[in-house]
Amino acid sequence: MAAFPGPDEADLVDALRRDPAWLPGLSVVAIDEAGLVIGHALLTRLRVGGGKGLALAPVAVAPEWQRRG
């Protein structure tokens, strides 16, 4: 996606989606009226100091849709 300058974030998304910690029900893809992907957010499980948590990353929004509130 054009939201980032290189492929690293897309590679990270691919790797996280293969990991058992990925939560597909809490990950979203936003599309516009024409059906084009304009954004993406991904959540995975994590452990923090013996507790459980969620990591939100990466979040991507197409440049033409950024800063719209």
C-alpha atoms as a PDB file:
ATOM      1  CA  MET A   1       0.000   0.000   0.000  1.00  0.00           C
ATOM      2  CA  ALA A   2       1.159   3.497  -0.783  1.00  0.00           C
ATOM      3  CA  ALA A   3       0.832   4.548   2.868  1.00  0.00           C
ATOM      4  CA  PHE A   4       4.458   3.495   3.476  1.00  0.00           C
ATOM      5  CA  PRO A   5       7.615   4.194   1.460  1.00  0.00           C
ATOM      6  CA  GLY A   6       8.684   0.561   1.080  1.00  0.00           C
ATOM      7  CA  PRO A   7       7.609  -3.077   1.409  1.00  0.00           C
ATOM      8  CA  ASP A   8       8.601  -3.577   5.068  1.00  0.00           C
ATOM      9  CA  GLU A   9       5.135  -2.945   6.503  1.00  0.00           C
ATOM     10  CA  ALA A  10       3.450  -5.191   3.926  1.00  0.00           C
ATOM     11  CA  ASP A  11       5.970  -7.918   4.763  1.00  0.00           C
ATOM     12  CA  LEU A  12       5.210  -7.414   8.468  1.00  0.00           C
ATOM     13  CA  VAL A  13       1.461  -7.790   7.831  1.00  0.00           C
ATOM     14  CA  ASP A  14       2.081 -11.021   5.907  1.00  0.00           C
ATOM     15  CA  ALA A  15       4.232 -12.396   8.740  1.00  0.00           C
ATOM     16  CA  LEU A  16       1.759 -11.398  11.457  1.00  0.00           C
ATOM     17  CA  ARG A  17      -1.151 -12.965   9.594  1.00  0.00           C
ATOM     18  CA  ARG A  18       0.746 -16.280   9.571  1.00  0.00           C
ATOM     19  CA  ASP A  19       1.338 -16.075  13.335  1.00  0.00           C
ATOM     20  CA  PRO A  20      -1.094 -17.771  15.767  1.00  0.00           C
ATOM     21  CA  ALA A  21      -1.224 -14.502  17.740  1.00  0.00           C
ATOM     22  CA  TRP A  22      -3.106 -12.785  14.882  1.00  0.00           C
ATOM     23  CA  LEU A  23      -6.739 -11.932  15.637  1.00  0.00           C
ATOM     24  CA  PRO A  24      -8.567 -11.918  12.299  1.00  0.00           C
ATOM     25  CA  GLY A  25     -11.842 -10.865  13.922  1.00  0.00           C
ATOM     26  CA  LEU A  26     -10.189  -7.666  15.197  1.00  0.00           C
ATOM     27  CA  SER A  27      -8.334  -6.803  12.010  1.00  0.00           C
ATOM     28  CA  VAL A  28     -10.039  -4.610   9.445  1.00  0.00           C
ATOM     29  CA  VAL A  29      -9.726  -3.484   5.849  1.00  0.00           C
ATOM     30  CA  ALA A  30     -11.404  -0.232   4.805  1.00  0.00           C
ATOM     31  CA  ILE A  31     -12.662   0.157   1.258  1.00  0.00           C
ATOM     32  CA  ASP A  32     -14.056   3.153  -0.614  1.00  0.00           C
ATOM     33  CA  GLU A  33     -17.264   3.334  -2.641  1.00  0.00           C
ATOM     34  CA  ALA A  34     -15.500   1.820  -5.658  1.00  0.00           C
ATOM     35  CA  GLY A  35     -14.275  -1.166  -3.642  1.00  0.00           C
ATOM     36  CA  LEU A  36     -10.629  -0.037  -3.513  1.00  0.00           C
ATOM     37  CA  VAL A  37      -8.648  -0.753  -0.350  1.00  0.00           C
ATOM     38  CA  ILE A  38      -7.954   2.543   1.407  1.00  0.00           C
ATOM     39  CA  GLY A  39      -6.890   1.379   4.861  1.00  0.00           C
ATOM     40  CA  HIS A  40      -5.920  -1.526   7.068  1.00  0.00           C
ATOM     41  CA  ALA A  41      -5.478  -2.174  10.794  1.00  0.00           C
ATOM     42  CA  LEU A  42      -4.221  -5.383  12.367  1.00  0.00           C
ATOM     43  CA  LEU A  43      -4.307  -6.646  15.977  1.00  0.00           C
ATOM     44  CA  THR A  44      -2.236  -9.442  17.510  1.00  0.00           C
ATOM     45  CA  ARG A  45      -2.034 -10.905  21.005  1.00  0.00           C
ATOM     46  CA  LEU A  46       1.024 -10.230  23.159  1.00  0.00           C
ATOM     47  CA  ARG A  47       2.294 -10.768  26.676  1.00  0.00           C
ATOM     48  CA  VAL A  48       3.383  -7.867  28.851  1.00  0.00           C
ATOM     49  CA  GLY A  49       5.006  -8.559  32.197  1.00  0.00           C
ATOM     50  CA  GLY A  50       3.125 -11.825  32.661  1.00  0.00           C
ATOM     51  CA  GLY A  51      -0.181 -10.282  31.552  1.00  0.00           C
ATOM     52  CA  LYS A  52      -1.965 -10.314  28.239  1.00  0.00           C
ATOM     53  CA  GLY A  53      -2.397  -7.451  25.816  1.00  0.00           C
ATOM     54  CA  LEU A  54      -3.041  -6.455  22.238  1.00  0.00           C
ATOM     55  CA  ALA A  55      -0.694  -4.880  19.727  1.00  0.00           C
ATOM     56  CA  LEU A  56      -2.146  -2.586  17.070  1.00  0.00           C
ATOM     57  CA  ALA A  57       0.221  -2.400  14.114  1.00  0.00           C
ATOM     58  CA  PRO A  58       0.635  -1.710  11.388  1.00  0.00           C
ATOM     59  CA  VAL A  59      -2.107   0.754  10.609  1.00  0.00           C
ATOM     60  CA  ALA A  60      -2.126   1.983   7.021  1.00  0.00           C
ATOM     61  CA  VAL A  61      -4.245   4.598   5.266  1.00  0.00           C
ATOM     62  CA  ALA A  62      -3.886   5.495   1.602  1.00  0.00           C
ATOM     63  CA  PRO A  63      -2.250   8.949   1.310  1.00  0.00           C
ATOM     64  CA  GLU A  64      -5.256  10.556  -0.367  1.00  0.00           C
ATOM     65  CA  TRP A  65      -7.434   9.487   2.588  1.00  0.00           C
ATOM     66  CA  GLN A  66      -5.058  10.590   5.364  1.00  0.00           C
ATOM     67  CA  ARG A  67      -5.760  13.567   7.656  1.00  0.00           C
ATOM     68  CA  ARG A  68      -9.512  13.457   7.112  1.00  0.00           C
ATOM     69  CA  GLY A  69     -10.460  12.830  10.731  1.00  0.00           C
END
